[in-house]
Amino acid sequence: MRRSHTIIAIITILLVLVADQWLKFWVKTSFYLGEDVEIFPWFHLRFVQNPGMAFGMELGSKLFLTLFRIVVTCLGIWYIVRRCLRADVPRGYLACVSLVVAGALGNIIDCMFYGEIFTNPYPPQVAQLVPFGSGYGTLFYGQVVDMLYFPLFSFEWPAWLPWVGGSEFSFFDPVFNIADSAITVGIIAILLFYSRFLLGSDEKQD
C-alpha cells in the first residue's frame, strides 16, 4: 500500500467530515428551523432539514435510504482500500473518490444519530444537544441538516407565457451542505478528468 495514497485518502475524508459536522452542529444549535441569514445577496445560510437524498430530494423510505447509503459507503471504502494497493492509481482520482465517500459518510452520520442526540423544536426555538436516546427520533431516522443556499439570480416570467407566466424563477434554489458538495465535486471531477480510468484504463495520470 502506497503511504502517500493512504494519507491523501485519510486526510480528504477527515477534512470533509470535520468541516461538514462542525457546520451542521453549529447551524442546528444556533438557528431555528427555516431561519435564513443573508451573508451576501447571492449566498445565504438557511437552516432546513430533509429526510431524503442530496439537495433535498426524496426517494423511497427513510430506512431504505439510510441503509442504501451505508452499503454504498462501505463499497466506496473497500474500493479506496483496493486502489491504495496499486502504485499506478492517480492521486487526483483517489482524492475524488475519497470526496464522494466522505460526503456519503457525512450524511450517514445525520441519518443514524441526529434523531438520537438532538431535539427538534418548532420555530423560533433552537434545537438542543441531549443525551443519546433523548432526541426527536430513533436510530437510522435522523434528518439531514442543510444550510448552504445560493440564490444567484431571479426573474419574473412574462405574463403571456402559459403555466409559468407571472411567477418568479430563482436560480439556484436547492439548499445543501458540505457533504453534498463533496459528493458533487468528486463525481464531476471523476467524469471530467478520470472517466477513462474509471472505466478500467491503466493509463497513468497525475
N, C-alpha and C. Protein backbone atom coordinates (compact mmCIF):
# COMPACT_ATOMS: atom_id res chain seq x y z
N MET A 1 0.84 -1.20 0.00
CA MET A 1 0.00 0.00 0.00
C MET A 1 0.88 1.25 0.00
N ARG A 2 0.65 2.14 -0.94
CA ARG A 2 1.45 3.35 -1.01
C ARG A 2 1.05 4.30 0.11
N ARG A 3 2.06 4.71 0.87
CA ARG A 3 1.78 5.54 2.04
C ARG A 3 1.16 6.88 1.63
N SER A 4 1.67 7.48 0.54
CA SER A 4 1.14 8.78 0.11
C SER A 4 -0.33 8.68 -0.28
N HIS A 5 -0.70 7.57 -0.93
CA HIS A 5 -2.09 7.38 -1.31
C HIS A 5 -2.99 7.25 -0.08
N THR A 6 -2.50 6.49 0.89
CA THR A 6 -3.28 6.31 2.12
C THR A 6 -3.48 7.64 2.85
N ILE A 7 -2.43 8.45 2.92
CA ILE A 7 -2.50 9.74 3.60
C ILE A 7 -3.50 10.65 2.88
N ILE A 8 -3.46 10.67 1.55
CA ILE A 8 -4.38 11.51 0.78
C ILE A 8 -5.83 11.12 1.07
N ALA A 9 -6.10 9.81 1.05
CA ALA A 9 -7.47 9.34 1.29
C ALA A 9 -7.93 9.69 2.69
N ILE A 10 -7.10 9.44 3.69
CA ILE A 10 -7.49 9.69 5.09
C ILE A 10 -7.69 11.19 5.34
N ILE A 11 -6.75 12.02 4.87
CA ILE A 11 -6.85 13.46 5.11
C ILE A 11 -8.09 14.04 4.41
N THR A 12 -8.34 13.61 3.17
CA THR A 12 -9.51 14.11 2.43
C THR A 12 -10.80 13.78 3.17
N ILE A 13 -10.93 12.54 3.60
CA ILE A 13 -12.14 12.11 4.29
C ILE A 13 -12.31 12.84 5.62
N LEU A 14 -11.22 12.96 6.39
CA LEU A 14 -11.30 13.61 7.70
C LEU A 14 -11.64 15.10 7.57
N LEU A 15 -11.01 15.79 6.61
CA LEU A 15 -11.28 17.22 6.43
C LEU A 15 -12.74 17.47 6.09
N VAL A 16 -13.28 16.68 5.16
CA VAL A 16 -14.68 16.85 4.78
C VAL A 16 -15.60 16.55 5.96
N LEU A 17 -15.34 15.44 6.66
CA LEU A 17 -16.20 15.06 7.78
C LEU A 17 -16.18 16.11 8.90
N VAL A 18 -14.99 16.59 9.26
CA VAL A 18 -14.89 17.57 10.35
C VAL A 18 -15.60 18.86 9.97
N ALA A 19 -15.32 19.37 8.75
CA ALA A 19 -15.96 20.62 8.32
C ALA A 19 -17.48 20.46 8.22
N ASP A 20 -17.92 19.34 7.66
CA ASP A 20 -19.35 19.10 7.48
C ASP A 20 -20.08 19.00 8.82
N GLN A 21 -19.54 18.20 9.73
CA GLN A 21 -20.21 18.02 11.00
C GLN A 21 -20.13 19.25 11.90
N TRP A 22 -19.02 19.97 11.85
CA TRP A 22 -18.92 21.20 12.64
C TRP A 22 -19.98 22.20 12.21
N LEU A 23 -20.10 22.40 10.89
CA LEU A 23 -21.08 23.37 10.40
C LEU A 23 -22.50 22.93 10.71
N LYS A 24 -22.78 21.64 10.58
CA LYS A 24 -24.12 21.14 10.90
C LYS A 24 -24.46 21.32 12.37
N PHE A 25 -23.51 20.99 13.26
CA PHE A 25 -23.75 21.16 14.69
C PHE A 25 -24.00 22.63 15.01
N TRP A 26 -23.20 23.52 14.43
CA TRP A 26 -23.35 24.95 14.72
C TRP A 26 -24.69 25.46 14.24
N VAL A 27 -25.06 25.13 13.00
CA VAL A 27 -26.35 25.58 12.47
C VAL A 27 -27.51 24.98 13.25
N LYS A 28 -27.42 23.70 13.56
CA LYS A 28 -28.50 23.00 14.26
C LYS A 28 -28.76 23.62 15.63
N THR A 29 -27.71 24.05 16.31
CA THR A 29 -27.85 24.57 17.68
C THR A 29 -27.87 26.09 17.75
N SER A 30 -27.79 26.76 16.60
CA SER A 30 -27.77 28.22 16.60
C SER A 30 -28.91 28.84 15.80
N PHE A 31 -29.50 28.09 14.87
CA PHE A 31 -30.57 28.58 14.01
C PHE A 31 -31.86 27.84 14.35
N TYR A 32 -32.98 28.54 14.25
CA TYR A 32 -34.25 27.80 14.31
C TYR A 32 -34.58 27.30 12.91
N LEU A 33 -35.39 26.27 12.84
CA LEU A 33 -35.72 25.65 11.57
C LEU A 33 -36.37 26.65 10.63
N GLY A 34 -35.80 26.82 9.44
CA GLY A 34 -36.30 27.77 8.46
C GLY A 34 -35.63 29.13 8.52
N GLU A 35 -34.81 29.38 9.53
CA GLU A 35 -34.14 30.69 9.64
C GLU A 35 -33.19 30.90 8.47
N ASP A 36 -33.18 32.13 7.97
CA ASP A 36 -32.35 32.48 6.81
C ASP A 36 -31.52 33.71 7.15
N VAL A 37 -30.20 33.58 7.02
CA VAL A 37 -29.29 34.69 7.28
C VAL A 37 -28.55 35.02 6.00
N GLU A 38 -28.69 36.24 5.53
CA GLU A 38 -28.01 36.65 4.30
C GLU A 38 -26.57 37.03 4.60
N ILE A 39 -25.63 36.31 3.98
CA ILE A 39 -24.21 36.65 4.09
C ILE A 39 -23.85 37.62 2.98
N PHE A 40 -24.22 37.25 1.76
CA PHE A 40 -24.15 38.11 0.58
C PHE A 40 -25.49 37.98 -0.14
N PRO A 41 -25.81 38.90 -1.07
CA PRO A 41 -27.07 38.74 -1.79
C PRO A 41 -27.19 37.40 -2.51
N TRP A 42 -26.05 36.84 -2.91
CA TRP A 42 -26.05 35.58 -3.65
C TRP A 42 -25.74 34.37 -2.77
N PHE A 43 -25.56 34.58 -1.47
CA PHE A 43 -25.22 33.47 -0.56
C PHE A 43 -25.90 33.66 0.78
N HIS A 44 -26.73 32.68 1.17
CA HIS A 44 -27.42 32.71 2.45
C HIS A 44 -27.09 31.44 3.23
N LEU A 45 -27.22 31.53 4.55
CA LEU A 45 -27.29 30.35 5.40
C LEU A 45 -28.76 30.16 5.75
N ARG A 46 -29.35 29.08 5.29
CA ARG A 46 -30.77 28.81 5.50
C ARG A 46 -30.90 27.40 6.09
N PHE A 47 -31.36 27.32 7.32
CA PHE A 47 -31.45 26.03 8.01
C PHE A 47 -32.71 25.28 7.59
N VAL A 48 -32.47 24.18 6.90
CA VAL A 48 -33.57 23.27 6.56
C VAL A 48 -33.12 21.85 6.87
N GLN A 49 -34.09 20.95 6.96
CA GLN A 49 -33.80 19.54 7.18
C GLN A 49 -34.53 18.72 6.12
N ASN A 50 -33.92 17.62 5.73
CA ASN A 50 -34.61 16.77 4.77
C ASN A 50 -34.38 15.30 5.12
N PRO A 51 -35.38 14.47 4.91
CA PRO A 51 -35.25 13.04 5.21
C PRO A 51 -34.74 12.24 4.04
N GLY A 52 -34.49 12.92 2.91
CA GLY A 52 -34.17 12.19 1.69
C GLY A 52 -32.72 12.28 1.28
N MET A 53 -32.52 12.43 -0.02
CA MET A 53 -31.19 12.39 -0.60
C MET A 53 -30.62 13.80 -0.73
N ALA A 54 -29.50 13.90 -1.47
CA ALA A 54 -28.81 15.18 -1.61
C ALA A 54 -29.72 16.24 -2.22
N PHE A 55 -29.50 17.51 -1.80
CA PHE A 55 -30.23 18.67 -2.30
C PHE A 55 -31.73 18.59 -2.01
N GLY A 56 -32.09 17.86 -0.94
CA GLY A 56 -33.48 17.84 -0.50
C GLY A 56 -34.37 16.88 -1.25
N MET A 57 -33.83 16.09 -2.17
CA MET A 57 -34.66 15.14 -2.91
C MET A 57 -35.09 14.00 -1.99
N GLU A 58 -36.19 13.36 -2.32
CA GLU A 58 -36.68 12.23 -1.55
C GLU A 58 -36.92 11.05 -2.49
N LEU A 59 -36.54 9.86 -2.03
CA LEU A 59 -36.72 8.67 -2.85
C LEU A 59 -36.86 7.47 -1.92
N GLY A 60 -38.05 6.86 -1.89
CA GLY A 60 -38.25 5.67 -1.08
C GLY A 60 -38.35 5.98 0.40
N SER A 61 -38.32 4.93 1.20
CA SER A 61 -38.47 5.08 2.65
C SER A 61 -37.18 5.57 3.28
N LYS A 62 -37.32 6.17 4.45
CA LYS A 62 -36.17 6.71 5.17
C LYS A 62 -35.18 5.61 5.54
N LEU A 63 -35.67 4.50 6.05
CA LEU A 63 -34.79 3.40 6.45
C LEU A 63 -34.05 2.85 5.24
N PHE A 64 -34.75 2.68 4.12
CA PHE A 64 -34.11 2.18 2.91
C PHE A 64 -32.99 3.11 2.47
N LEU A 65 -33.24 4.43 2.49
CA LEU A 65 -32.23 5.39 2.07
C LEU A 65 -30.99 5.33 2.96
N THR A 66 -31.21 5.23 4.27
CA THR A 66 -30.08 5.17 5.19
C THR A 66 -29.27 3.91 4.98
N LEU A 67 -29.95 2.76 4.87
CA LEU A 67 -29.23 1.50 4.66
C LEU A 67 -28.52 1.50 3.31
N PHE A 68 -29.17 2.09 2.29
CA PHE A 68 -28.55 2.18 0.97
C PHE A 68 -27.27 3.01 1.05
N ARG A 69 -27.33 4.15 1.75
CA ARG A 69 -26.14 4.98 1.93
C ARG A 69 -25.01 4.19 2.59
N ILE A 70 -25.35 3.42 3.63
CA ILE A 70 -24.34 2.66 4.36
C ILE A 70 -23.68 1.63 3.45
N VAL A 71 -24.48 0.91 2.68
CA VAL A 71 -23.95 -0.11 1.76
C VAL A 71 -23.03 0.54 0.73
N VAL A 72 -23.49 1.62 0.11
CA VAL A 72 -22.69 2.29 -0.92
C VAL A 72 -21.39 2.83 -0.32
N THR A 73 -21.46 3.38 0.89
CA THR A 73 -20.26 3.91 1.52
C THR A 73 -19.27 2.81 1.86
N CYS A 74 -19.76 1.68 2.34
CA CYS A 74 -18.87 0.54 2.61
C CYS A 74 -18.18 0.06 1.34
N LEU A 75 -18.93 0.03 0.24
CA LEU A 75 -18.33 -0.34 -1.05
C LEU A 75 -17.28 0.69 -1.46
N GLY A 76 -17.58 1.97 -1.20
CA GLY A 76 -16.61 3.02 -1.53
C GLY A 76 -15.33 2.89 -0.73
N ILE A 77 -15.45 2.58 0.56
CA ILE A 77 -14.27 2.40 1.40
C ILE A 77 -13.47 1.19 0.92
N TRP A 78 -14.17 0.11 0.61
CA TRP A 78 -13.50 -1.08 0.07
C TRP A 78 -12.77 -0.75 -1.22
N TYR A 79 -13.39 0.06 -2.08
CA TYR A 79 -12.79 0.45 -3.35
C TYR A 79 -11.53 1.27 -3.11
N ILE A 80 -11.60 2.20 -2.16
CA ILE A 80 -10.42 3.02 -1.85
C ILE A 80 -9.28 2.15 -1.34
N VAL A 81 -9.58 1.23 -0.45
CA VAL A 81 -8.53 0.36 0.10
C VAL A 81 -7.89 -0.46 -1.02
N ARG A 82 -8.70 -0.98 -1.91
CA ARG A 82 -8.16 -1.74 -3.03
C ARG A 82 -7.29 -0.87 -3.92
N ARG A 83 -7.74 0.35 -4.20
CA ARG A 83 -6.98 1.24 -5.07
C ARG A 83 -5.70 1.71 -4.41
N CYS A 84 -5.70 1.84 -3.09
CA CYS A 84 -4.49 2.26 -2.38
C CYS A 84 -3.36 1.25 -2.55
N LEU A 85 -3.71 0.02 -2.85
CA LEU A 85 -2.71 -1.04 -3.03
C LEU A 85 -2.01 -0.94 -4.38
N ARG A 86 -2.54 -0.15 -5.29
CA ARG A 86 -1.99 -0.06 -6.64
C ARG A 86 -1.13 1.18 -6.80
N ALA A 87 0.07 0.97 -7.34
CA ALA A 87 1.01 2.08 -7.49
C ALA A 87 0.65 2.99 -8.66
N ASP A 88 -0.17 2.51 -9.58
CA ASP A 88 -0.47 3.31 -10.78
C ASP A 88 -1.73 4.15 -10.65
N VAL A 89 -2.31 4.21 -9.47
CA VAL A 89 -3.54 4.98 -9.29
C VAL A 89 -3.21 6.47 -9.17
N PRO A 90 -3.85 7.33 -9.98
CA PRO A 90 -3.61 8.78 -9.87
C PRO A 90 -4.05 9.30 -8.51
N ARG A 91 -3.24 10.15 -7.93
CA ARG A 91 -3.58 10.71 -6.63
C ARG A 91 -4.85 11.56 -6.71
N GLY A 92 -5.00 12.26 -7.83
CA GLY A 92 -6.21 13.07 -8.00
C GLY A 92 -7.47 12.24 -8.05
N TYR A 93 -7.38 11.09 -8.71
CA TYR A 93 -8.54 10.20 -8.79
C TYR A 93 -8.90 9.67 -7.41
N LEU A 94 -7.88 9.29 -6.65
CA LEU A 94 -8.12 8.78 -5.30
C LEU A 94 -8.75 9.86 -4.42
N ALA A 95 -8.29 11.11 -4.58
CA ALA A 95 -8.86 12.21 -3.80
C ALA A 95 -10.33 12.43 -4.16
N CYS A 96 -10.66 12.31 -5.45
CA CYS A 96 -12.05 12.49 -5.88
C CYS A 96 -12.96 11.40 -5.31
N VAL A 97 -12.50 10.15 -5.36
CA VAL A 97 -13.29 9.06 -4.79
C VAL A 97 -13.45 9.26 -3.28
N SER A 98 -12.40 9.74 -2.63
CA SER A 98 -12.46 9.99 -1.19
C SER A 98 -13.46 11.09 -0.87
N LEU A 99 -13.57 12.10 -1.74
CA LEU A 99 -14.58 13.15 -1.54
C LEU A 99 -15.98 12.57 -1.55
N VAL A 100 -16.24 11.69 -2.50
CA VAL A 100 -17.56 11.07 -2.60
C VAL A 100 -17.87 10.25 -1.35
N VAL A 101 -16.90 9.45 -0.93
CA VAL A 101 -17.10 8.61 0.26
C VAL A 101 -17.28 9.47 1.50
N ALA A 102 -16.48 10.52 1.63
CA ALA A 102 -16.60 11.41 2.80
C ALA A 102 -17.95 12.09 2.84
N GLY A 103 -18.45 12.53 1.68
CA GLY A 103 -19.76 13.16 1.64
C GLY A 103 -20.86 12.20 2.05
N ALA A 104 -20.78 10.98 1.56
CA ALA A 104 -21.78 9.98 1.95
C ALA A 104 -21.72 9.71 3.45
N LEU A 105 -20.51 9.61 4.00
CA LEU A 105 -20.37 9.39 5.45
C LEU A 105 -20.96 10.54 6.25
N GLY A 106 -20.74 11.77 5.77
CA GLY A 106 -21.27 12.93 6.48
C GLY A 106 -22.77 12.90 6.62
N ASN A 107 -23.47 12.53 5.55
CA ASN A 107 -24.93 12.46 5.62
C ASN A 107 -25.42 11.23 6.36
N ILE A 108 -24.63 10.14 6.33
CA ILE A 108 -25.00 8.95 7.11
C ILE A 108 -25.01 9.26 8.60
N ILE A 109 -24.04 10.06 9.05
CA ILE A 109 -23.99 10.43 10.47
C ILE A 109 -25.29 11.13 10.88
N ASP A 110 -25.77 12.05 10.04
CA ASP A 110 -27.03 12.73 10.33
C ASP A 110 -28.17 11.73 10.46
N CYS A 111 -28.27 10.85 9.45
CA CYS A 111 -29.39 9.90 9.42
C CYS A 111 -29.35 8.94 10.60
N MET A 112 -28.17 8.49 10.96
CA MET A 112 -28.06 7.48 12.01
C MET A 112 -28.23 8.06 13.42
N PHE A 113 -27.64 9.23 13.66
CA PHE A 113 -27.50 9.67 15.05
C PHE A 113 -28.23 10.96 15.42
N TYR A 114 -28.53 11.84 14.47
CA TYR A 114 -29.10 13.14 14.84
C TYR A 114 -30.45 13.01 15.53
N GLY A 115 -31.24 12.03 15.13
CA GLY A 115 -32.52 11.83 15.79
C GLY A 115 -32.37 11.41 17.24
N GLU A 116 -31.24 10.81 17.57
CA GLU A 116 -30.99 10.34 18.94
C GLU A 116 -30.41 11.41 19.85
N ILE A 117 -29.70 12.40 19.26
CA ILE A 117 -28.94 13.33 20.10
C ILE A 117 -29.42 14.78 20.05
N PHE A 118 -30.41 15.09 19.19
CA PHE A 118 -30.91 16.45 19.09
C PHE A 118 -32.42 16.49 19.34
N THR A 119 -32.87 17.61 19.90
CA THR A 119 -34.30 17.90 19.91
C THR A 119 -34.65 18.54 18.57
N ASN A 120 -35.93 18.64 18.28
CA ASN A 120 -36.36 19.21 17.01
C ASN A 120 -37.56 20.12 17.25
N PRO A 121 -37.35 21.24 17.96
CA PRO A 121 -38.49 22.07 18.37
C PRO A 121 -39.07 22.89 17.23
N TYR A 122 -40.27 23.40 17.45
CA TYR A 122 -40.88 24.30 16.48
C TYR A 122 -40.21 25.67 16.55
N PRO A 123 -40.08 26.36 15.41
CA PRO A 123 -39.53 27.72 15.41
C PRO A 123 -40.40 28.62 16.29
N PRO A 124 -39.79 29.59 16.97
CA PRO A 124 -38.40 30.03 16.85
C PRO A 124 -37.46 29.38 17.86
N GLN A 125 -37.83 28.25 18.44
CA GLN A 125 -36.95 27.57 19.38
C GLN A 125 -35.79 26.92 18.61
N VAL A 126 -34.65 26.84 19.27
CA VAL A 126 -33.44 26.26 18.66
C VAL A 126 -33.20 24.88 19.24
N ALA A 127 -32.75 23.95 18.42
CA ALA A 127 -32.51 22.58 18.86
C ALA A 127 -31.42 22.52 19.93
N GLN A 128 -31.54 21.54 20.80
CA GLN A 128 -30.57 21.33 21.87
C GLN A 128 -29.93 19.95 21.71
N LEU A 129 -28.67 19.87 22.08
CA LEU A 129 -27.97 18.58 22.13
C LEU A 129 -28.36 17.90 23.43
N VAL A 130 -28.84 16.66 23.35
CA VAL A 130 -29.35 15.95 24.53
C VAL A 130 -28.65 14.59 24.66
N PRO A 131 -28.78 13.95 25.81
CA PRO A 131 -28.18 12.61 25.98
C PRO A 131 -28.71 11.64 24.93
N PHE A 132 -27.86 10.71 24.52
CA PHE A 132 -28.22 9.76 23.48
C PHE A 132 -29.51 9.02 23.84
N GLY A 133 -30.45 8.98 22.89
CA GLY A 133 -31.72 8.33 23.11
C GLY A 133 -32.83 9.26 23.55
N SER A 134 -32.50 10.56 23.77
CA SER A 134 -33.50 11.52 24.23
C SER A 134 -33.93 12.50 23.15
N GLY A 135 -33.54 12.23 21.92
CA GLY A 135 -33.80 13.16 20.83
C GLY A 135 -35.17 12.99 20.20
N TYR A 136 -35.31 13.58 19.02
CA TYR A 136 -36.61 13.63 18.35
C TYR A 136 -36.94 12.38 17.57
N GLY A 137 -35.97 11.49 17.37
CA GLY A 137 -36.20 10.30 16.57
C GLY A 137 -35.45 9.10 17.09
N THR A 138 -35.32 8.09 16.25
CA THR A 138 -34.63 6.87 16.62
C THR A 138 -33.46 6.64 15.66
N LEU A 139 -32.67 5.63 15.99
CA LEU A 139 -31.53 5.28 15.16
C LEU A 139 -31.97 5.04 13.72
N PHE A 140 -31.21 5.59 12.78
CA PHE A 140 -31.46 5.50 11.33
C PHE A 140 -32.55 6.45 10.83
N TYR A 141 -33.21 7.18 11.72
CA TYR A 141 -34.32 8.03 11.29
C TYR A 141 -34.06 9.52 11.53
N GLY A 142 -32.80 9.89 11.67
CA GLY A 142 -32.47 11.30 11.79
C GLY A 142 -32.63 12.02 10.46
N GLN A 143 -32.75 13.34 10.52
CA GLN A 143 -32.89 14.14 9.31
C GLN A 143 -31.57 14.84 8.98
N VAL A 144 -31.30 14.97 7.69
CA VAL A 144 -30.06 15.59 7.22
C VAL A 144 -30.18 17.10 7.33
N VAL A 145 -29.15 17.74 7.87
CA VAL A 145 -29.13 19.19 8.05
C VAL A 145 -28.51 19.85 6.81
N ASP A 146 -29.25 20.79 6.22
CA ASP A 146 -28.77 21.56 5.08
C ASP A 146 -28.78 23.03 5.44
N MET A 147 -27.87 23.78 4.80
CA MET A 147 -27.80 25.21 5.15
C MET A 147 -27.22 26.11 4.06
N LEU A 148 -26.58 25.59 3.06
CA LEU A 148 -25.94 26.41 2.03
C LEU A 148 -26.94 26.73 0.92
N TYR A 149 -27.21 27.99 0.74
CA TYR A 149 -28.23 28.43 -0.23
C TYR A 149 -27.65 29.54 -1.09
N PHE A 150 -27.68 29.35 -2.41
CA PHE A 150 -27.10 30.29 -3.34
C PHE A 150 -28.17 30.79 -4.33
N PRO A 151 -28.94 31.82 -3.95
CA PRO A 151 -29.91 32.41 -4.89
C PRO A 151 -29.17 33.33 -5.87
N LEU A 152 -28.54 32.75 -6.86
CA LEU A 152 -27.63 33.51 -7.74
C LEU A 152 -28.35 34.60 -8.52
N PHE A 153 -29.53 34.30 -9.03
CA PHE A 153 -30.30 35.34 -9.70
C PHE A 153 -31.75 34.89 -9.78
N SER A 154 -32.64 35.84 -10.01
CA SER A 154 -34.06 35.53 -10.14
C SER A 154 -34.70 36.52 -11.11
N PHE A 155 -35.82 36.12 -11.67
CA PHE A 155 -36.57 37.00 -12.56
C PHE A 155 -38.02 36.53 -12.59
N GLU A 156 -38.87 37.36 -13.13
CA GLU A 156 -40.29 37.02 -13.26
C GLU A 156 -40.60 36.65 -14.70
N TRP A 157 -41.24 35.51 -14.87
CA TRP A 157 -41.61 35.07 -16.21
C TRP A 157 -42.63 36.04 -16.82
N PRO A 158 -42.53 36.31 -18.11
CA PRO A 158 -43.52 37.19 -18.77
C PRO A 158 -44.94 36.65 -18.58
N ALA A 159 -45.87 37.54 -18.40
CA ALA A 159 -47.25 37.14 -18.10
C ALA A 159 -47.89 36.34 -19.22
N TRP A 160 -47.41 36.52 -20.45
CA TRP A 160 -48.04 35.85 -21.59
C TRP A 160 -47.62 34.38 -21.72
N LEU A 161 -46.63 33.95 -20.97
CA LEU A 161 -46.20 32.56 -21.06
C LEU A 161 -47.22 31.64 -20.38
N PRO A 162 -47.58 30.52 -21.01
CA PRO A 162 -48.52 29.59 -20.37
C PRO A 162 -47.89 28.91 -19.16
N TRP A 163 -48.69 28.58 -18.17
CA TRP A 163 -48.33 27.85 -16.95
C TRP A 163 -47.43 28.63 -15.99
N VAL A 164 -46.36 29.25 -16.49
CA VAL A 164 -45.41 29.91 -15.59
C VAL A 164 -45.51 31.42 -15.63
N GLY A 165 -46.35 31.97 -16.53
CA GLY A 165 -46.44 33.41 -16.68
C GLY A 165 -46.77 34.13 -15.39
N GLY A 166 -45.97 35.15 -15.06
CA GLY A 166 -46.20 35.95 -13.87
C GLY A 166 -45.54 35.41 -12.61
N SER A 167 -45.06 34.18 -12.67
CA SER A 167 -44.41 33.60 -11.49
C SER A 167 -42.92 33.94 -11.49
N GLU A 168 -42.31 33.82 -10.32
CA GLU A 168 -40.89 34.16 -10.18
C GLU A 168 -40.04 32.91 -10.33
N PHE A 169 -38.95 33.05 -11.05
CA PHE A 169 -37.97 31.97 -11.20
C PHE A 169 -36.71 32.35 -10.46
N SER A 170 -36.22 31.44 -9.63
CA SER A 170 -35.00 31.68 -8.86
C SER A 170 -33.98 30.59 -9.16
N PHE A 171 -32.74 30.99 -9.39
CA PHE A 171 -31.65 30.06 -9.65
C PHE A 171 -30.51 30.41 -8.68
N PHE A 172 -30.12 29.60 -7.82
CA PHE A 172 -30.23 28.17 -7.70
C PHE A 172 -30.98 27.89 -6.40
N ASP A 173 -32.12 27.18 -6.42
CA ASP A 173 -32.99 27.05 -5.26
C ASP A 173 -32.60 25.98 -4.24
N PRO A 174 -32.02 24.85 -4.62
CA PRO A 174 -31.74 23.80 -3.63
C PRO A 174 -30.85 24.29 -2.49
N VAL A 175 -31.14 23.83 -1.28
CA VAL A 175 -30.31 24.08 -0.11
C VAL A 175 -29.54 22.80 0.17
N PHE A 176 -28.25 22.90 0.41
CA PHE A 176 -27.43 21.71 0.55
C PHE A 176 -26.40 21.90 1.65
N ASN A 177 -25.50 20.93 1.80
CA ASN A 177 -24.48 21.00 2.84
C ASN A 177 -23.11 20.66 2.28
N ILE A 178 -22.09 20.67 3.12
CA ILE A 178 -20.73 20.39 2.66
C ILE A 178 -20.61 18.97 2.14
N ALA A 179 -21.29 18.02 2.77
CA ALA A 179 -21.25 16.64 2.32
C ALA A 179 -21.80 16.51 0.90
N ASP A 180 -22.93 17.15 0.63
CA ASP A 180 -23.49 17.15 -0.72
C ASP A 180 -22.49 17.74 -1.72
N SER A 181 -21.84 18.83 -1.32
CA SER A 181 -20.87 19.48 -2.19
C SER A 181 -19.71 18.55 -2.51
N ALA A 182 -19.23 17.83 -1.49
CA ALA A 182 -18.11 16.91 -1.70
C ALA A 182 -18.48 15.81 -2.68
N ILE A 183 -19.68 15.26 -2.53
CA ILE A 183 -20.14 14.22 -3.45
C ILE A 183 -20.21 14.76 -4.87
N THR A 184 -20.82 15.94 -5.03
CA THR A 184 -21.00 16.52 -6.36
C THR A 184 -19.66 16.85 -7.01
N VAL A 185 -18.76 17.51 -6.27
CA VAL A 185 -17.45 17.87 -6.81
C VAL A 185 -16.66 16.61 -7.18
N GLY A 186 -16.69 15.60 -6.30
CA GLY A 186 -15.96 14.37 -6.58
C GLY A 186 -16.45 13.68 -7.84
N ILE A 187 -17.76 13.56 -7.99
CA ILE A 187 -18.33 12.87 -9.16
C ILE A 187 -18.05 13.65 -10.44
N ILE A 188 -18.24 14.97 -10.41
CA ILE A 188 -17.99 15.78 -11.61
C ILE A 188 -16.52 15.70 -12.02
N ALA A 189 -15.62 15.79 -11.03
CA ALA A 189 -14.18 15.72 -11.35
C ALA A 189 -13.80 14.37 -11.93
N ILE A 190 -14.38 13.29 -11.40
CA ILE A 190 -14.10 11.96 -11.94
C ILE A 190 -14.56 11.87 -13.39
N LEU A 191 -15.77 12.35 -13.66
CA LEU A 191 -16.31 12.28 -15.02
C LEU A 191 -15.51 13.15 -16.00
N LEU A 192 -15.03 14.30 -15.53
CA LEU A 192 -14.29 15.20 -16.41
C LEU A 192 -12.85 14.78 -16.65
N PHE A 193 -12.20 14.30 -15.58
CA PHE A 193 -10.75 14.09 -15.67
C PHE A 193 -10.30 12.62 -15.57
N TYR A 194 -11.15 11.77 -15.03
CA TYR A 194 -10.71 10.40 -14.78
C TYR A 194 -11.68 9.35 -15.30
N SER A 195 -12.50 9.71 -16.28
CA SER A 195 -13.50 8.76 -16.75
C SER A 195 -12.86 7.52 -17.38
N ARG A 196 -11.75 7.71 -18.10
CA ARG A 196 -11.11 6.55 -18.72
C ARG A 196 -10.54 5.61 -17.67
N PHE A 197 -10.02 6.20 -16.60
CA PHE A 197 -9.50 5.36 -15.52
C PHE A 197 -10.64 4.64 -14.82
N LEU A 198 -11.77 5.32 -14.65
CA LEU A 198 -12.94 4.72 -14.01
C LEU A 198 -13.45 3.53 -14.81
N LEU A 199 -13.31 3.61 -16.12
CA LEU A 199 -13.77 2.51 -16.99
C LEU A 199 -12.77 1.38 -17.09
N GLY A 200 -11.61 1.53 -16.38
CA GLY A 200 -10.69 0.42 -16.33
C GLY A 200 -9.38 0.64 -17.02
N SER A 201 -9.15 1.84 -17.55
CA SER A 201 -7.87 2.10 -18.20
C SER A 201 -6.74 2.11 -17.19
N ASP A 202 -5.62 1.54 -17.55
CA ASP A 202 -4.44 1.52 -16.67
C ASP A 202 -3.47 2.63 -16.99
N GLU A 203 -3.90 3.54 -17.86
CA GLU A 203 -3.02 4.64 -18.22
C GLU A 203 -2.75 5.51 -17.00
N LYS A 204 -1.48 5.85 -16.77
CA LYS A 204 -1.11 6.64 -15.60
C LYS A 204 -1.50 8.08 -15.82
N GLN A 205 -2.06 8.65 -14.77
CA GLN A 205 -2.40 10.07 -14.77
C GLN A 205 -1.88 10.66 -13.47
N ASP A 206 -1.83 11.98 -13.39
CA ASP A 206 -1.36 12.61 -12.15
C ASP A 206 -2.19 13.84 -11.85
